[in-house]
Amino acid sequence: MVLSEALPTAQEYIALRDAMGWGRLDEATARRTLDAAAYTVCLRDGEAGGGGRLAGLARVMGDGTLYFFLADLIVAPEARGGGHGETLMRAVVDYFDRAAQPNATITLVAMPGREAFYERFGFRRTPDGPFGHGMRYAGDAKAPPLNRP
């Protein structure tokens, strides 16, 4: 397996998400989200520089300086069990160490039961510091109107 910071194709990303059961994306959406990442690292089977099938990827969203969110850490089902998730996470943590300024906010939302994996790389469950409980936008409530002069 070889690490590469070259973006996968939209079709490769769609296929990897499909293999995980994460829902299908159209090609335009896949391309847009891939292009918007602050950092992407791919794991490919094959030799360096030779391409190869996409076996996994990690994507970090954010501004590349102060705010980072690990959006994807995916290892194809057939490639699991070989330490490939650890390889991808080491590349991500190296990126954080290079890019993040002091006191940057670096977050992720772990799948249930996977928290211990991320703790091995320095992540801590919240609330245990300044963040409080994680939240997600559901879009099912009316926002209060803006008070404009």
N, C-alpha and C. Protein backbone atom coordinates (compact mmCIF):
# COMPACT_ATOMS: atom_id res chain seq x y z
N MET A 1 0.84 -1.19 0.00
CA MET A 1 0.00 0.00 0.00
C MET A 1 0.89 1.25 0.00
N VAL A 2 0.41 2.26 -0.71
CA VAL A 2 1.18 3.49 -0.89
C VAL A 2 0.30 4.69 -0.51
N LEU A 3 0.88 5.63 0.24
CA LEU A 3 0.19 6.88 0.56
C LEU A 3 0.41 7.89 -0.56
N SER A 4 -0.63 8.67 -0.85
CA SER A 4 -0.54 9.71 -1.86
C SER A 4 -1.41 10.88 -1.44
N GLU A 5 -0.90 12.08 -1.63
CA GLU A 5 -1.70 13.28 -1.35
C GLU A 5 -2.43 13.78 -2.59
N ALA A 6 -2.36 13.03 -3.68
CA ALA A 6 -3.14 13.37 -4.88
C ALA A 6 -4.61 13.03 -4.62
N LEU A 7 -5.48 13.92 -5.04
CA LEU A 7 -6.92 13.69 -4.83
C LEU A 7 -7.39 12.47 -5.60
N PRO A 8 -8.33 11.73 -5.01
CA PRO A 8 -8.96 10.65 -5.78
C PRO A 8 -9.91 11.26 -6.79
N THR A 9 -10.34 10.47 -7.75
CA THR A 9 -11.37 10.94 -8.66
C THR A 9 -12.71 10.95 -7.93
N ALA A 10 -13.64 11.70 -8.46
CA ALA A 10 -14.98 11.71 -7.89
C ALA A 10 -15.58 10.32 -7.89
N GLN A 11 -15.35 9.57 -8.97
CA GLN A 11 -15.89 8.21 -9.06
C GLN A 11 -15.30 7.30 -8.00
N GLU A 12 -14.00 7.45 -7.71
CA GLU A 12 -13.37 6.63 -6.67
C GLU A 12 -13.96 6.95 -5.30
N TYR A 13 -14.16 8.23 -5.02
CA TYR A 13 -14.73 8.64 -3.74
C TYR A 13 -16.15 8.12 -3.60
N ILE A 14 -16.94 8.23 -4.65
CA ILE A 14 -18.31 7.72 -4.63
C ILE A 14 -18.32 6.22 -4.36
N ALA A 15 -17.46 5.49 -5.03
CA ALA A 15 -17.41 4.03 -4.86
C ALA A 15 -16.99 3.65 -3.44
N LEU A 16 -16.04 4.37 -2.86
CA LEU A 16 -15.58 4.07 -1.50
C LEU A 16 -16.69 4.34 -0.50
N ARG A 17 -17.39 5.45 -0.66
CA ARG A 17 -18.54 5.75 0.22
C ARG A 17 -19.63 4.69 0.06
N ASP A 18 -19.89 4.29 -1.17
CA ASP A 18 -20.89 3.24 -1.41
C ASP A 18 -20.51 1.95 -0.70
N ALA A 19 -19.23 1.59 -0.75
CA ALA A 19 -18.77 0.36 -0.11
C ALA A 19 -18.97 0.41 1.40
N MET A 20 -18.97 1.61 1.96
CA MET A 20 -19.17 1.78 3.40
C MET A 20 -20.66 1.89 3.76
N GLY A 21 -21.52 2.01 2.75
CA GLY A 21 -22.94 2.18 3.03
C GLY A 21 -23.29 3.58 3.49
N TRP A 22 -22.50 4.57 3.09
CA TRP A 22 -22.69 5.94 3.55
C TRP A 22 -23.59 6.76 2.64
N GLY A 23 -24.21 6.15 1.68
CA GLY A 23 -25.11 6.88 0.80
C GLY A 23 -24.41 7.36 -0.45
N ARG A 24 -25.16 7.40 -1.52
CA ARG A 24 -24.61 7.74 -2.83
C ARG A 24 -24.59 9.25 -3.02
N LEU A 25 -23.51 9.73 -3.60
CA LEU A 25 -23.37 11.13 -4.00
C LEU A 25 -23.38 11.22 -5.51
N ASP A 26 -23.83 12.35 -6.03
CA ASP A 26 -23.66 12.57 -7.46
C ASP A 26 -22.23 13.06 -7.69
N GLU A 27 -21.79 13.00 -8.94
CA GLU A 27 -20.41 13.31 -9.25
C GLU A 27 -20.04 14.76 -8.94
N ALA A 28 -20.95 15.69 -9.20
CA ALA A 28 -20.66 17.10 -8.93
C ALA A 28 -20.46 17.35 -7.43
N THR A 29 -21.29 16.73 -6.60
CA THR A 29 -21.15 16.88 -5.15
C THR A 29 -19.84 16.27 -4.67
N ALA A 30 -19.52 15.10 -5.18
CA ALA A 30 -18.27 14.44 -4.80
C ALA A 30 -17.07 15.31 -5.17
N ARG A 31 -17.06 15.85 -6.37
CA ARG A 31 -15.94 16.70 -6.80
C ARG A 31 -15.84 17.94 -5.94
N ARG A 32 -16.99 18.54 -5.65
CA ARG A 32 -16.98 19.77 -4.85
C ARG A 32 -16.42 19.54 -3.46
N THR A 33 -16.84 18.45 -2.80
CA THR A 33 -16.34 18.20 -1.45
C THR A 33 -14.87 17.80 -1.45
N LEU A 34 -14.45 17.05 -2.48
CA LEU A 34 -13.03 16.71 -2.57
C LEU A 34 -12.17 17.96 -2.77
N ASP A 35 -12.61 18.85 -3.62
CA ASP A 35 -11.86 20.07 -3.90
C ASP A 35 -11.82 21.02 -2.70
N ALA A 36 -12.82 20.95 -1.83
CA ALA A 36 -12.91 21.87 -0.70
C ALA A 36 -12.05 21.45 0.49
N ALA A 37 -11.52 20.26 0.48
CA ALA A 37 -10.73 19.78 1.63
C ALA A 37 -9.44 20.57 1.78
N ALA A 38 -9.07 20.79 3.03
CA ALA A 38 -7.78 21.43 3.33
C ALA A 38 -6.64 20.44 3.13
N TYR A 39 -6.92 19.15 3.34
CA TYR A 39 -5.89 18.12 3.21
C TYR A 39 -6.58 16.79 2.91
N THR A 40 -6.02 16.06 1.98
CA THR A 40 -6.50 14.72 1.64
C THR A 40 -5.30 13.82 1.48
N VAL A 41 -5.40 12.63 2.03
CA VAL A 41 -4.37 11.61 1.83
C VAL A 41 -5.07 10.31 1.45
N CYS A 42 -4.56 9.66 0.41
CA CYS A 42 -5.14 8.42 -0.09
C CYS A 42 -4.20 7.26 0.16
N LEU A 43 -4.77 6.10 0.32
CA LEU A 43 -4.02 4.86 0.42
C LEU A 43 -4.40 4.03 -0.80
N ARG A 44 -3.39 3.68 -1.58
CA ARG A 44 -3.64 2.93 -2.81
C ARG A 44 -2.85 1.64 -2.79
N ASP A 45 -3.46 0.59 -3.33
CA ASP A 45 -2.69 -0.64 -3.47
C ASP A 45 -1.85 -0.51 -4.73
N GLY A 46 -0.63 -0.87 -4.66
CA GLY A 46 0.27 -0.71 -5.79
C GLY A 46 1.57 -0.06 -5.35
N GLU A 47 2.37 0.29 -6.31
CA GLU A 47 3.67 0.87 -6.04
C GLU A 47 3.62 2.39 -6.16
N ALA A 48 4.56 3.04 -5.49
CA ALA A 48 4.63 4.51 -5.50
C ALA A 48 4.66 5.04 -6.93
N GLY A 49 3.83 6.03 -7.18
CA GLY A 49 3.80 6.67 -8.49
C GLY A 49 3.03 5.89 -9.53
N GLY A 50 2.61 4.68 -9.20
CA GLY A 50 1.95 3.85 -10.18
C GLY A 50 0.45 3.83 -10.10
N GLY A 51 -0.12 4.67 -9.26
CA GLY A 51 -1.57 4.68 -9.12
C GLY A 51 -2.02 3.50 -8.27
N GLY A 52 -2.93 2.75 -8.77
CA GLY A 52 -3.46 1.62 -8.01
C GLY A 52 -4.84 1.93 -7.48
N ARG A 53 -5.54 0.90 -7.09
CA ARG A 53 -6.91 1.02 -6.59
C ARG A 53 -6.95 1.77 -5.27
N LEU A 54 -7.94 2.65 -5.11
CA LEU A 54 -8.12 3.40 -3.87
C LEU A 54 -8.59 2.44 -2.78
N ALA A 55 -7.76 2.28 -1.73
CA ALA A 55 -8.08 1.38 -0.63
C ALA A 55 -8.51 2.13 0.62
N GLY A 56 -8.26 3.43 0.65
CA GLY A 56 -8.66 4.23 1.80
C GLY A 56 -8.32 5.68 1.59
N LEU A 57 -8.92 6.53 2.42
CA LEU A 57 -8.58 7.94 2.36
C LEU A 57 -8.97 8.63 3.64
N ALA A 58 -8.31 9.75 3.89
CA ALA A 58 -8.66 10.64 5.00
C ALA A 58 -8.75 12.05 4.43
N ARG A 59 -9.77 12.79 4.88
CA ARG A 59 -9.95 14.18 4.43
C ARG A 59 -10.14 15.08 5.64
N VAL A 60 -9.45 16.20 5.60
CA VAL A 60 -9.57 17.22 6.65
C VAL A 60 -10.17 18.46 6.01
N MET A 61 -11.22 18.96 6.62
CA MET A 61 -11.84 20.21 6.19
C MET A 61 -11.38 21.31 7.13
N GLY A 62 -11.44 22.56 6.67
CA GLY A 62 -11.09 23.68 7.54
C GLY A 62 -10.31 24.73 6.79
N ASP A 63 -9.73 25.65 7.57
CA ASP A 63 -9.01 26.76 6.95
C ASP A 63 -7.51 26.49 6.82
N GLY A 64 -7.04 25.36 7.31
CA GLY A 64 -5.64 25.00 7.17
C GLY A 64 -4.70 25.73 8.11
N THR A 65 -5.26 26.46 9.07
CA THR A 65 -4.45 27.23 10.00
C THR A 65 -4.94 27.12 11.44
N LEU A 66 -6.21 27.49 11.65
CA LEU A 66 -6.77 27.51 13.01
C LEU A 66 -7.90 26.52 13.25
N TYR A 67 -8.61 26.13 12.21
CA TYR A 67 -9.78 25.27 12.38
C TYR A 67 -9.68 24.07 11.45
N PHE A 68 -9.79 22.88 12.04
CA PHE A 68 -9.65 21.63 11.30
C PHE A 68 -10.73 20.65 11.77
N PHE A 69 -11.30 19.92 10.83
CA PHE A 69 -12.30 18.89 11.14
C PHE A 69 -11.98 17.66 10.31
N LEU A 70 -11.70 16.55 10.97
CA LEU A 70 -11.47 15.30 10.24
C LEU A 70 -12.83 14.81 9.73
N ALA A 71 -13.06 14.98 8.45
CA ALA A 71 -14.36 14.68 7.85
C ALA A 71 -14.49 13.22 7.45
N ASP A 72 -13.43 12.61 6.95
CA ASP A 72 -13.46 11.22 6.50
C ASP A 72 -12.21 10.50 6.95
N LEU A 73 -12.37 9.31 7.42
CA LEU A 73 -11.30 8.34 7.55
C LEU A 73 -11.93 7.02 7.13
N ILE A 74 -11.63 6.60 5.91
CA ILE A 74 -12.30 5.45 5.30
C ILE A 74 -11.26 4.44 4.85
N VAL A 75 -11.45 3.20 5.24
CA VAL A 75 -10.66 2.09 4.71
C VAL A 75 -11.66 1.11 4.09
N ALA A 76 -11.44 0.78 2.84
CA ALA A 76 -12.34 -0.13 2.13
C ALA A 76 -12.48 -1.44 2.92
N PRO A 77 -13.67 -2.01 2.93
CA PRO A 77 -13.90 -3.24 3.71
C PRO A 77 -12.87 -4.34 3.42
N GLU A 78 -12.50 -4.50 2.17
CA GLU A 78 -11.57 -5.58 1.81
C GLU A 78 -10.13 -5.28 2.23
N ALA A 79 -9.84 -4.05 2.65
CA ALA A 79 -8.49 -3.67 3.07
C ALA A 79 -8.36 -3.54 4.59
N ARG A 80 -9.41 -3.82 5.31
CA ARG A 80 -9.39 -3.66 6.76
C ARG A 80 -8.53 -4.72 7.43
N GLY A 81 -8.03 -4.35 8.60
CA GLY A 81 -7.27 -5.30 9.40
C GLY A 81 -5.78 -5.29 9.15
N GLY A 82 -5.31 -4.42 8.28
CA GLY A 82 -3.89 -4.37 7.98
C GLY A 82 -3.19 -3.15 8.56
N GLY A 83 -3.83 -2.43 9.47
CA GLY A 83 -3.22 -1.23 10.04
C GLY A 83 -3.32 -0.01 9.15
N HIS A 84 -4.17 -0.09 8.12
CA HIS A 84 -4.26 1.01 7.15
C HIS A 84 -4.92 2.26 7.73
N GLY A 85 -5.88 2.08 8.64
CA GLY A 85 -6.47 3.23 9.32
C GLY A 85 -5.42 3.98 10.13
N GLU A 86 -4.54 3.24 10.79
CA GLU A 86 -3.45 3.86 11.54
C GLU A 86 -2.51 4.61 10.61
N THR A 87 -2.20 4.03 9.47
CA THR A 87 -1.32 4.70 8.50
C THR A 87 -1.92 6.02 8.06
N LEU A 88 -3.21 6.01 7.74
CA LEU A 88 -3.88 7.25 7.33
C LEU A 88 -3.90 8.27 8.47
N MET A 89 -4.19 7.81 9.69
CA MET A 89 -4.24 8.74 10.82
C MET A 89 -2.88 9.33 11.13
N ARG A 90 -1.82 8.56 10.99
CA ARG A 90 -0.47 9.12 11.20
C ARG A 90 -0.20 10.24 10.20
N ALA A 91 -0.64 10.05 8.96
CA ALA A 91 -0.46 11.10 7.94
C ALA A 91 -1.28 12.34 8.31
N VAL A 92 -2.49 12.15 8.82
CA VAL A 92 -3.34 13.27 9.22
C VAL A 92 -2.71 14.02 10.40
N VAL A 93 -2.26 13.29 11.40
CA VAL A 93 -1.65 13.93 12.56
C VAL A 93 -0.38 14.67 12.16
N ASP A 94 0.41 14.11 11.25
CA ASP A 94 1.59 14.82 10.73
C ASP A 94 1.17 16.13 10.08
N TYR A 95 0.07 16.09 9.32
CA TYR A 95 -0.45 17.32 8.70
C TYR A 95 -0.84 18.34 9.76
N PHE A 96 -1.57 17.89 10.79
CA PHE A 96 -1.94 18.82 11.87
C PHE A 96 -0.70 19.44 12.50
N ASP A 97 0.31 18.63 12.75
CA ASP A 97 1.54 19.13 13.37
C ASP A 97 2.24 20.17 12.50
N ARG A 98 2.16 20.01 11.19
CA ARG A 98 2.78 20.97 10.26
C ARG A 98 1.96 22.24 10.10
N ALA A 99 0.64 22.09 9.98
CA ALA A 99 -0.21 23.19 9.55
C ALA A 99 -0.87 23.99 10.67
N ALA A 100 -1.21 23.34 11.77
CA ALA A 100 -1.99 23.99 12.82
C ALA A 100 -1.15 24.98 13.61
N GLN A 101 -1.68 26.17 13.78
CA GLN A 101 -1.05 27.17 14.63
C GLN A 101 -1.33 26.83 16.10
N PRO A 102 -0.55 27.40 17.03
CA PRO A 102 -0.82 27.15 18.44
C PRO A 102 -2.28 27.48 18.78
N ASN A 103 -2.87 26.65 19.60
CA ASN A 103 -4.26 26.80 20.07
C ASN A 103 -5.29 26.61 18.96
N ALA A 104 -4.93 25.95 17.87
CA ALA A 104 -5.90 25.64 16.81
C ALA A 104 -6.96 24.68 17.36
N THR A 105 -8.12 24.72 16.76
CA THR A 105 -9.21 23.80 17.10
C THR A 105 -9.19 22.67 16.09
N ILE A 106 -9.01 21.44 16.58
CA ILE A 106 -8.94 20.26 15.73
C ILE A 106 -9.96 19.27 16.27
N THR A 107 -10.97 18.95 15.45
CA THR A 107 -12.07 18.13 15.93
C THR A 107 -12.38 16.98 14.98
N LEU A 108 -13.18 16.05 15.49
CA LEU A 108 -13.75 14.98 14.68
C LEU A 108 -14.98 14.46 15.40
N VAL A 109 -15.79 13.74 14.68
CA VAL A 109 -16.93 13.03 15.26
C VAL A 109 -16.69 11.56 14.98
N ALA A 110 -16.38 10.82 16.04
CA ALA A 110 -16.09 9.39 15.88
C ALA A 110 -17.37 8.60 15.73
N MET A 111 -17.32 7.57 14.92
CA MET A 111 -18.43 6.63 14.84
C MET A 111 -18.53 5.93 16.20
N PRO A 112 -19.74 5.57 16.62
CA PRO A 112 -19.89 4.92 17.93
C PRO A 112 -18.97 3.70 18.04
N GLY A 113 -18.26 3.64 19.16
CA GLY A 113 -17.36 2.52 19.41
C GLY A 113 -15.95 2.71 18.87
N ARG A 114 -15.70 3.78 18.11
CA ARG A 114 -14.38 4.01 17.52
C ARG A 114 -13.56 5.08 18.26
N GLU A 115 -14.09 5.57 19.37
CA GLU A 115 -13.42 6.64 20.10
C GLU A 115 -12.01 6.24 20.55
N ALA A 116 -11.83 5.02 21.02
CA ALA A 116 -10.52 4.57 21.51
C ALA A 116 -9.46 4.61 20.41
N PHE A 117 -9.87 4.33 19.18
CA PHE A 117 -8.92 4.41 18.06
C PHE A 117 -8.34 5.82 17.97
N TYR A 118 -9.19 6.83 18.00
CA TYR A 118 -8.73 8.22 17.86
C TYR A 118 -7.97 8.70 19.10
N GLU A 119 -8.31 8.16 20.26
CA GLU A 119 -7.58 8.52 21.48
C GLU A 119 -6.10 8.14 21.37
N ARG A 120 -5.80 7.10 20.65
CA ARG A 120 -4.40 6.69 20.46
C ARG A 120 -3.59 7.74 19.72
N PHE A 121 -4.27 8.66 19.02
CA PHE A 121 -3.61 9.71 18.25
C PHE A 121 -3.73 11.07 18.91
N GLY A 122 -4.11 11.09 20.18
CA GLY A 122 -4.15 12.34 20.93
C GLY A 122 -5.49 13.02 21.03
N PHE A 123 -6.55 12.44 20.46
CA PHE A 123 -7.87 13.03 20.59
C PHE A 123 -8.47 12.65 21.94
N ARG A 124 -9.29 13.53 22.48
CA ARG A 124 -9.95 13.29 23.76
C ARG A 124 -11.45 13.44 23.59
N ARG A 125 -12.17 12.64 24.34
CA ARG A 125 -13.63 12.74 24.31
C ARG A 125 -14.06 14.06 24.94
N THR A 126 -15.10 14.65 24.43
CA THR A 126 -15.61 15.88 25.02
C THR A 126 -16.92 15.56 25.73
N PRO A 127 -17.31 16.25 26.75
CA PRO A 127 -16.63 17.44 27.26
C PRO A 127 -15.51 17.09 28.25
N ASP A 128 -14.33 17.59 27.99
CA ASP A 128 -13.24 17.51 28.96
C ASP A 128 -12.36 18.73 28.84
N GLY A 129 -12.88 19.77 28.29
CA GLY A 129 -12.10 20.98 28.11
C GLY A 129 -13.01 22.11 27.73
N PRO A 130 -12.59 22.93 26.81
CA PRO A 130 -13.36 24.14 26.50
C PRO A 130 -14.55 23.92 25.57
N PHE A 131 -14.80 22.71 25.10
CA PHE A 131 -15.75 22.55 24.00
C PHE A 131 -17.17 22.19 24.41
N GLY A 132 -17.40 21.55 25.53
CA GLY A 132 -18.74 21.11 25.86
C GLY A 132 -19.15 19.95 24.98
N HIS A 133 -20.44 19.68 24.89
CA HIS A 133 -20.94 18.57 24.09
C HIS A 133 -20.94 18.91 22.61
N GLY A 134 -20.64 17.92 21.78
CA GLY A 134 -20.74 18.10 20.34
C GLY A 134 -22.20 18.27 19.94
N MET A 135 -22.42 18.94 18.85
CA MET A 135 -23.78 19.16 18.34
C MET A 135 -23.76 19.01 16.83
N ARG A 136 -24.94 18.77 16.27
CA ARG A 136 -25.08 18.70 14.83
C ARG A 136 -26.30 19.50 14.42
N TYR A 137 -26.27 20.05 13.23
CA TYR A 137 -27.40 20.81 12.69
C TYR A 137 -28.39 19.85 12.08
N ALA A 138 -29.64 19.87 12.54
CA ALA A 138 -30.67 18.99 12.03
C ALA A 138 -31.55 19.68 11.00
N GLY A 139 -31.63 21.00 11.03
CA GLY A 139 -32.38 21.75 10.04
C GLY A 139 -33.89 21.64 10.17
N ASP A 140 -34.37 21.14 11.31
CA ASP A 140 -35.80 20.93 11.44
C ASP A 140 -36.48 21.95 12.37
N ALA A 141 -35.78 22.98 12.76
CA ALA A 141 -36.37 24.00 13.61
C ALA A 141 -36.25 25.35 12.93
N LYS A 142 -37.18 26.20 13.24
CA LYS A 142 -37.15 27.56 12.69
C LYS A 142 -36.18 28.39 13.50
N ALA A 143 -35.27 29.03 12.82
CA ALA A 143 -34.34 29.94 13.48
C ALA A 143 -35.08 31.21 13.87
N PRO A 144 -34.71 31.81 15.01
CA PRO A 144 -35.35 33.08 15.36
C PRO A 144 -35.01 34.14 14.32
N PRO A 145 -35.93 35.07 14.10
CA PRO A 145 -35.66 36.11 13.09
C PRO A 145 -34.50 37.01 13.54
N LEU A 146 -33.79 37.53 12.57
CA LEU A 146 -32.72 38.47 12.85
C LEU A 146 -33.32 39.80 13.30
N ASN A 147 -32.74 40.36 14.32
CA ASN A 147 -33.17 41.70 14.77
C ASN A 147 -32.33 42.72 14.04
N ARG A 148 -32.89 43.33 13.05
CA ARG A 148 -32.16 44.34 12.27
C ARG A 148 -32.75 45.71 12.55
N PRO A 149 -31.84 46.69 12.62
CA PRO A 149 -32.33 48.07 12.88
C PRO A 149 -33.15 48.62 11.74
